[in-house]
Amino acid sequence: MFHGKLVASPQDQAVLDGFAELVGEGGAVADLGCGPGRVTGYLASLGLSVFGLDLSESMLAIARRENPGLRFQQGSMLDLDLADGALAGAMSWYSSIHTPVDRLPDLFAEFRRVLAPGGHLVVAFQAGDEPRHHDRPFGHQVSLDFQRRQPDDIAELLTTAGFTLVSRTVREPVEALGESTPHAFLIARKPPEAPA
């Protein structure tokens, strides 16, 4: 249903392109909460050494089918099986919207732990105050909650977690995509190590 949505939103694509340039060609990146792997595949096409992680084995099956040359693994963003400082970049592309607000400090601390000094993080989410609940999304008997966040609140949480904010982009909803709320994209950086 959402195949090709990334291409239909040039602002989103510009954020991803800028993130890839900040990380640098060949940089190790984790797409955390990768879903069906659309963004993972796009980042790989930009020359990043990227893998995807998601809780849902069904989503990972789609990601593996659509991106056979890439690595996808099951796991939790809150407890990453990665060494400290293992990544040049981390991506949370609409995946933190399923994390309760009281767990966001833990989530951002875990992202900071796995990033190398100077590494970059992108957090994308729907901007707003009211969560959105679906009882039967796309005709399926599933209960889904999507948390909307205020960019200033997320920026403050990232700063508290030890990140430096690099950029903040908020775009208006794209009617052709059926969107009803603004979308926010924050790029943050783990500070480089102080010189000896």
C-alpha atoms as a PDB file:
ATOM      1  CA  MET A   1       0.000   0.000   0.000  1.00  0.00           C
ATOM      2  CA  PHE A   2       2.838   2.438   0.823  1.00  0.00           C
ATOM      3  CA  HIS A   3       5.270   1.228  -1.836  1.00  0.00           C
ATOM      4  CA  GLY A   4       6.946   4.252  -3.411  1.00  0.00           C
ATOM      5  CA  LYS A   5       5.798   6.668  -0.693  1.00  0.00           C
ATOM      6  CA  LEU A   6       9.375   7.758  -0.003  1.00  0.00           C
ATOM      7  CA  VAL A   7       9.794   8.992  -3.579  1.00  0.00           C
ATOM      8  CA  ALA A   8       6.437  10.828  -3.393  1.00  0.00           C
ATOM      9  CA  SER A   9       7.752  13.049  -0.578  1.00  0.00           C
ATOM     10  CA  PRO A  10      10.810  14.986  -1.755  1.00  0.00           C
ATOM     11  CA  GLN A  11      11.239  16.674   1.648  1.00  0.00           C
ATOM     12  CA  ASP A  12      11.611  13.285   3.336  1.00  0.00           C
ATOM     13  CA  GLN A  13      14.073  12.170   0.688  1.00  0.00           C
ATOM     14  CA  ALA A  14      16.109  15.349   1.198  1.00  0.00           C
ATOM     15  CA  VAL A  15      16.424  14.575   4.929  1.00  0.00           C
ATOM     16  CA  LEU A  16      17.670  11.074   4.131  1.00  0.00           C
ATOM     17  CA  ASP A  17      20.116  12.395   1.526  1.00  0.00           C
ATOM     18  CA  GLY A  18      21.495  14.945   3.998  1.00  0.00           C
ATOM     19  CA  PHE A  19      21.830  12.281   6.707  1.00  0.00           C
ATOM     20  CA  ALA A  20      23.769  10.038   4.299  1.00  0.00           C
ATOM     21  CA  GLU A  21      26.168  12.876   3.518  1.00  0.00           C
ATOM     22  CA  LEU A  22      26.717  13.556   7.218  1.00  0.00           C
ATOM     23  CA  VAL A  23      27.469   9.878   7.891  1.00  0.00           C
ATOM     24  CA  GLY A  24      29.730   9.508   4.858  1.00  0.00           C
ATOM     25  CA  GLU A  25      29.977   6.798   2.230  1.00  0.00           C
ATOM     26  CA  GLY A  26      30.411   3.332   3.700  1.00  0.00           C
ATOM     27  CA  GLY A  27      29.403   4.458   7.195  1.00  0.00           C
ATOM     28  CA  ALA A  28      27.811   1.792   9.392  1.00  0.00           C
ATOM     29  CA  VAL A  29      24.144   2.640   9.966  1.00  0.00           C
ATOM     30  CA  ALA A  30      21.249   0.897  11.712  1.00  0.00           C
ATOM     31  CA  ASP A  31      17.680   1.511  10.538  1.00  0.00           C
ATOM     32  CA  LEU A  32      15.979   0.959  13.897  1.00  0.00           C
ATOM     33  CA  GLY A  33      12.344  -0.048  13.581  1.00  0.00           C
ATOM     34  CA  CYS A  34      12.877  -0.597   9.859  1.00  0.00           C
ATOM     35  CA  GLY A  35       9.452  -2.098   9.089  1.00  0.00           C
ATOM     36  CA  PRO A  36       9.373  -3.357   5.494  1.00  0.00           C
ATOM     37  CA  GLY A  37      12.863  -1.977   4.787  1.00  0.00           C
ATOM     38  CA  ARG A  38      12.043   0.819   2.313  1.00  0.00           C
ATOM     39  CA  VAL A  39      14.311   3.340   4.031  1.00  0.00           C
ATOM     40  CA  THR A  40      16.982   0.689   4.648  1.00  0.00           C
ATOM     41  CA  GLY A  41      17.119  -0.028   0.919  1.00  0.00           C
ATOM     42  CA  TYR A  42      17.240   3.667   0.070  1.00  0.00           C
ATOM     43  CA  LEU A  43      20.129   4.312   2.463  1.00  0.00           C
ATOM     44  CA  ALA A  44      22.017   1.363   0.962  1.00  0.00           C
ATOM     45  CA  SER A  45      21.525   2.893  -2.504  1.00  0.00           C
ATOM     46  CA  LEU A  46      23.279   6.027  -1.177  1.00  0.00           C
ATOM     47  CA  GLY A  47      26.397   4.031  -0.311  1.00  0.00           C
ATOM     48  CA  LEU A  48      25.872   3.428   3.404  1.00  0.00           C
ATOM     49  CA  SER A  49      26.651   0.099   5.077  1.00  0.00           C
ATOM     50  CA  VAL A  50      23.171  -0.301   6.547  1.00  0.00           C
ATOM     51  CA  PHE A  51      21.183  -3.021   8.247  1.00  0.00           C
ATOM     52  CA  GLY A  52      17.599  -3.043   9.509  1.00  0.00           C
ATOM     53  CA  LEU A  53      16.174  -4.048  12.869  1.00  0.00           C
ATOM     54  CA  ASP A  54      12.519  -4.537  13.796  1.00  0.00           C
ATOM     55  CA  LEU A  55      10.410  -6.337  16.406  1.00  0.00           C
ATOM     56  CA  SER A  56       8.006  -7.754  13.802  1.00  0.00           C
ATOM     57  CA  GLU A  57       9.130 -10.899  12.034  1.00  0.00           C
ATOM     58  CA  SER A  58       6.374 -10.314   9.435  1.00  0.00           C
ATOM     59  CA  MET A  59       7.815  -6.883   8.600  1.00  0.00           C
ATOM     60  CA  LEU A  60      11.299  -8.383   8.418  1.00  0.00           C
ATOM     61  CA  ALA A  61      10.074 -11.059   5.978  1.00  0.00           C
ATOM     62  CA  ILE A  62       8.894  -8.287   3.637  1.00  0.00           C
ATOM     63  CA  ALA A  63      12.138  -6.355   4.111  1.00  0.00           C
ATOM     64  CA  ARG A  64      14.229  -9.422   3.251  1.00  0.00           C
ATOM     65  CA  ARG A  65      12.105 -10.184   0.206  1.00  0.00           C
ATOM     66  CA  GLU A  66      12.303  -6.592  -1.086  1.00  0.00           C
ATOM     67  CA  ASN A  67      16.014  -6.138  -0.270  1.00  0.00           C
ATOM     68  CA  PRO A  68      17.663  -9.546  -0.678  1.00  0.00           C
ATOM     69  CA  GLY A  69      21.217  -8.212  -0.444  1.00  0.00           C
ATOM     70  CA  LEU A  70      20.738  -6.472   2.906  1.00  0.00           C
ATOM     71  CA  ARG A  71      20.838  -7.750   6.482  1.00  0.00           C
ATOM     72  CA  PHE A  72      17.737  -7.570   8.662  1.00  0.00           C
ATOM     73  CA  GLN A  73      17.430  -8.844  12.218  1.00  0.00           C
ATOM     74  CA  GLN A  74      14.757  -9.076  14.867  1.00  0.00           C
ATOM     75  CA  GLY A  75      15.254  -7.107  18.064  1.00  0.00           C
ATOM     76  CA  SER A  76      14.233  -4.235  20.298  1.00  0.00           C
ATOM     77  CA  MET A  77      15.414  -0.653  19.857  1.00  0.00           C
ATOM     78  CA  LEU A  78      15.545  -0.382  23.648  1.00  0.00           C
ATOM     79  CA  ASP A  79      18.094  -3.197  23.975  1.00  0.00           C
ATOM     80  CA  LEU A  80      20.373  -3.235  20.939  1.00  0.00           C
ATOM     81  CA  ASP A  81      22.770  -6.115  20.448  1.00  0.00           C
ATOM     82  CA  LEU A  82      25.556  -3.748  19.400  1.00  0.00           C
ATOM     83  CA  ALA A  83      28.827  -2.705  20.990  1.00  0.00           C
ATOM     84  CA  ASP A  84      29.244   0.792  22.362  1.00  0.00           C
ATOM     85  CA  GLY A  85      30.177   3.197  19.563  1.00  0.00           C
ATOM     86  CA  ALA A  86      29.590   0.631  16.806  1.00  0.00           C
ATOM     87  CA  LEU A  87      27.665   2.911  14.424  1.00  0.00           C
ATOM     88  CA  ALA A  88      28.366   6.033  12.399  1.00  0.00           C
ATOM     89  CA  GLY A  89      24.619   6.647  12.107  1.00  0.00           C
ATOM     90  CA  ALA A  90      21.268   5.554  13.495  1.00  0.00           C
ATOM     91  CA  MET A  91      17.828   6.026  11.966  1.00  0.00           C
ATOM     92  CA  SER A  92      14.494   6.084  13.809  1.00  0.00           C
ATOM     93  CA  TRP A  93      12.174   6.727  10.876  1.00  0.00           C
ATOM     94  CA  TYR A  94       8.682   6.889  12.400  1.00  0.00           C
ATOM     95  CA  SER A  95       9.590   4.054  14.784  1.00  0.00           C
ATOM     96  CA  SER A  96       9.715   6.012  18.069  1.00  0.00           C
ATOM     97  CA  ILE A  97       5.993   6.800  17.617  1.00  0.00           C
ATOM     98  CA  HIS A  98       5.232   3.400  19.140  1.00  0.00           C
ATOM     99  CA  THR A  99       7.397   4.034  22.235  1.00  0.00           C
ATOM    100  CA  PRO A 100       5.609   5.359  25.347  1.00  0.00           C
ATOM    101  CA  VAL A 101       6.787   8.845  26.258  1.00  0.00           C
ATOM    102  CA  ASP A 102       8.223   7.686  29.592  1.00  0.00           C
ATOM    103  CA  ARG A 103      10.546   5.278  27.733  1.00  0.00           C
ATOM    104  CA  LEU A 104      11.912   7.868  25.294  1.00  0.00           C
ATOM    105  CA  PRO A 105      14.840   8.849  27.585  1.00  0.00           C
ATOM    106  CA  ASP A 106      15.895   5.163  27.674  1.00  0.00           C
ATOM    107  CA  LEU A 107      15.489   4.889  23.906  1.00  0.00           C
ATOM    108  CA  PHE A 108      17.607   7.945  23.157  1.00  0.00           C
ATOM    109  CA  ALA A 109      20.249   6.857  25.684  1.00  0.00           C
ATOM    110  CA  GLU A 110      20.495   3.510  23.872  1.00  0.00           C
ATOM    111  CA  PHE A 111      20.839   5.266  20.505  1.00  0.00           C
ATOM    112  CA  ARG A 112      23.628   7.425  21.951  1.00  0.00           C
ATOM    113  CA  ARG A 113      25.399   4.375  23.402  1.00  0.00           C
ATOM    114  CA  VAL A 114      25.705   2.600  20.041  1.00  0.00           C
ATOM    115  CA  LEU A 115      26.817   5.694  18.114  1.00  0.00           C
ATOM    116  CA  ALA A 116      30.500   6.465  17.728  1.00  0.00           C
ATOM    117  CA  PRO A 117      31.632   9.928  18.849  1.00  0.00           C
ATOM    118  CA  GLY A 118      30.557  12.335  16.106  1.00  0.00           C
ATOM    119  CA  GLY A 119      27.878   9.895  14.874  1.00  0.00           C
ATOM    120  CA  HIS A 120      24.498  11.139  13.666  1.00  0.00           C
ATOM    121  CA  LEU A 121      20.917  10.200  14.520  1.00  0.00           C
ATOM    122  CA  VAL A 122      17.698  10.967  12.630  1.00  0.00           C
ATOM    123  CA  VAL A 123      14.336  10.856  14.384  1.00  0.00           C
ATOM    124  CA  ALA A 124      11.224  11.255  12.190  1.00  0.00           C
ATOM    125  CA  PHE A 125       7.694  11.489  13.594  1.00  0.00           C
ATOM    126  CA  GLN A 126       4.280  13.063  13.163  1.00  0.00           C
ATOM    127  CA  ALA A 127       4.133  16.419  14.928  1.00  0.00           C
ATOM    128  CA  GLY A 128       1.254  17.105  17.301  1.00  0.00           C
ATOM    129  CA  ASP A 129      -0.184  16.506  20.733  1.00  0.00           C
ATOM    130  CA  GLU A 130      -2.974  13.985  20.248  1.00  0.00           C
ATOM    131  CA  PRO A 131      -2.197  10.299  19.734  1.00  0.00           C
ATOM    132  CA  ARG A 132      -3.970   8.481  16.931  1.00  0.00           C
ATOM    133  CA  HIS A 133      -5.701   5.164  17.540  1.00  0.00           C
ATOM    134  CA  HIS A 134      -6.827   2.654  14.900  1.00  0.00           C
ATOM    135  CA  ASP A 135      -9.086  -0.276  15.776  1.00  0.00           C
ATOM    136  CA  ARG A 136      -9.149  -1.861  12.324  1.00  0.00           C
ATOM    137  CA  PRO A 137      -6.311  -0.378  10.256  1.00  0.00           C
ATOM    138  CA  PHE A 138      -6.564  -1.359   6.600  1.00  0.00           C
ATOM    139  CA  GLY A 139      -9.459  -3.695   7.443  1.00  0.00           C
ATOM    140  CA  HIS A 140      -7.479  -5.888   9.860  1.00  0.00           C
ATOM    141  CA  GLN A 141      -8.446  -6.688  13.456  1.00  0.00           C
ATOM    142  CA  VAL A 142      -5.432  -4.960  15.009  1.00  0.00           C
ATOM    143  CA  SER A 143      -5.269  -2.209  17.620  1.00  0.00           C
ATOM    144  CA  LEU A 144      -2.616   0.411  16.832  1.00  0.00           C
ATOM    145  CA  ASP A 145      -1.609   3.574  18.647  1.00  0.00           C
ATOM    146  CA  PHE A 146       0.600   6.239  17.060  1.00  0.00           C
ATOM    147  CA  GLN A 147       2.065   8.849  19.397  1.00  0.00           C
ATOM    148  CA  ARG A 148       2.419  12.324  17.981  1.00  0.00           C
ATOM    149  CA  ARG A 149       5.130  14.495  19.513  1.00  0.00           C
ATOM    150  CA  GLN A 150       6.123  18.134  19.627  1.00  0.00           C
ATOM    151  CA  PRO A 151       9.508  18.793  17.964  1.00  0.00           C
ATOM    152  CA  ASP A 152      10.625  21.000  20.881  1.00  0.00           C
ATOM    153  CA  ASP A 153       9.901  18.178  23.354  1.00  0.00           C
ATOM    154  CA  ILE A 154      11.889  15.633  21.328  1.00  0.00           C
ATOM    155  CA  ALA A 155      14.738  18.123  20.863  1.00  0.00           C
ATOM    156  CA  GLU A 156      14.872  18.623  24.637  1.00  0.00           C
ATOM    157  CA  LEU A 157      14.920  14.857  25.278  1.00  0.00           C
ATOM    158  CA  LEU A 158      17.742  14.420  22.752  1.00  0.00           C
ATOM    159  CA  THR A 159      19.746  17.221  24.364  1.00  0.00           C
ATOM    160  CA  THR A 160      19.193  15.692  27.798  1.00  0.00           C
ATOM    161  CA  ALA A 161      20.428  12.350  26.415  1.00  0.00           C
ATOM    162  CA  GLY A 162      23.702  14.048  25.427  1.00  0.00           C
ATOM    163  CA  PHE A 163      23.074  14.864  21.756  1.00  0.00           C
ATOM    164  CA  THR A 164      23.674  18.146  19.970  1.00  0.00           C
ATOM    165  CA  LEU A 165      20.854  19.150  17.647  1.00  0.00           C
ATOM    166  CA  VAL A 166      22.070  19.614  14.054  1.00  0.00           C
ATOM    167  CA  SER A 167      18.803  20.369  12.266  1.00  0.00           C
ATOM    168  CA  ARG A 168      15.068  20.543  12.800  1.00  0.00           C
ATOM    169  CA  THR A 169      12.697  20.311   9.839  1.00  0.00           C
ATOM    170  CA  VAL A 170       8.909  20.423  10.041  1.00  0.00           C
ATOM    171  CA  ARG A 171       6.919  20.034   6.850  1.00  0.00           C
ATOM    172  CA  GLU A 172       3.213  20.417   6.239  1.00  0.00           C
ATOM    173  CA  PRO A 173       1.035  17.350   5.533  1.00  0.00           C
ATOM    174  CA  VAL A 174       1.090  16.016   1.974  1.00  0.00           C
ATOM    175  CA  GLU A 175      -2.557  15.709   0.986  1.00  0.00           C
ATOM    176  CA  ALA A 176      -1.784  13.300  -1.869  1.00  0.00           C
ATOM    177  CA  LEU A 177      -0.361  10.893   0.750  1.00  0.00           C
ATOM    178  CA  GLY A 178      -3.446  11.141   2.955  1.00  0.00           C
ATOM    179  CA  GLU A 179      -1.568  12.941   5.725  1.00  0.00           C
ATOM    180  CA  SER A 180      -3.413  15.141   8.221  1.00  0.00           C
ATOM    181  CA  THR A 181      -0.600  16.345  10.502  1.00  0.00           C
ATOM    182  CA  PRO A 182       2.797  18.010  10.045  1.00  0.00           C
ATOM    183  CA  HIS A 183       5.864  15.767  10.049  1.00  0.00           C
ATOM    184  CA  ALA A 184       9.076  16.486  11.938  1.00  0.00           C
ATOM    185  CA  PHE A 185      12.652  15.381  11.233  1.00  0.00           C
ATOM    186  CA  LEU A 186      15.379  15.993  13.790  1.00  0.00           C
ATOM    187  CA  ILE A 187      19.037  15.275  13.097  1.00  0.00           C
ATOM    188  CA  ALA A 188      21.232  15.098  16.181  1.00  0.00           C
ATOM    189  CA  ARG A 189      24.914  14.355  16.713  1.00  0.00           C
ATOM    190  CA  LYS A 190      26.762  12.560  19.460  1.00  0.00           C
ATOM    191  CA  PRO A 191      29.539  14.991  20.369  1.00  0.00           C
ATOM    192  CA  PRO A 192      33.028  14.010  19.221  1.00  0.00           C
ATOM    193  CA  GLU A 193      35.550  13.007  21.838  1.00  0.00           C
ATOM    194  CA  ALA A 194      37.472  15.883  23.313  1.00  0.00           C
ATOM    195  CA  PRO A 195      41.047  16.119  21.984  1.00  0.00           C
ATOM    196  CA  ALA A 196      43.699  14.633  24.261  1.00  0.00           C
END
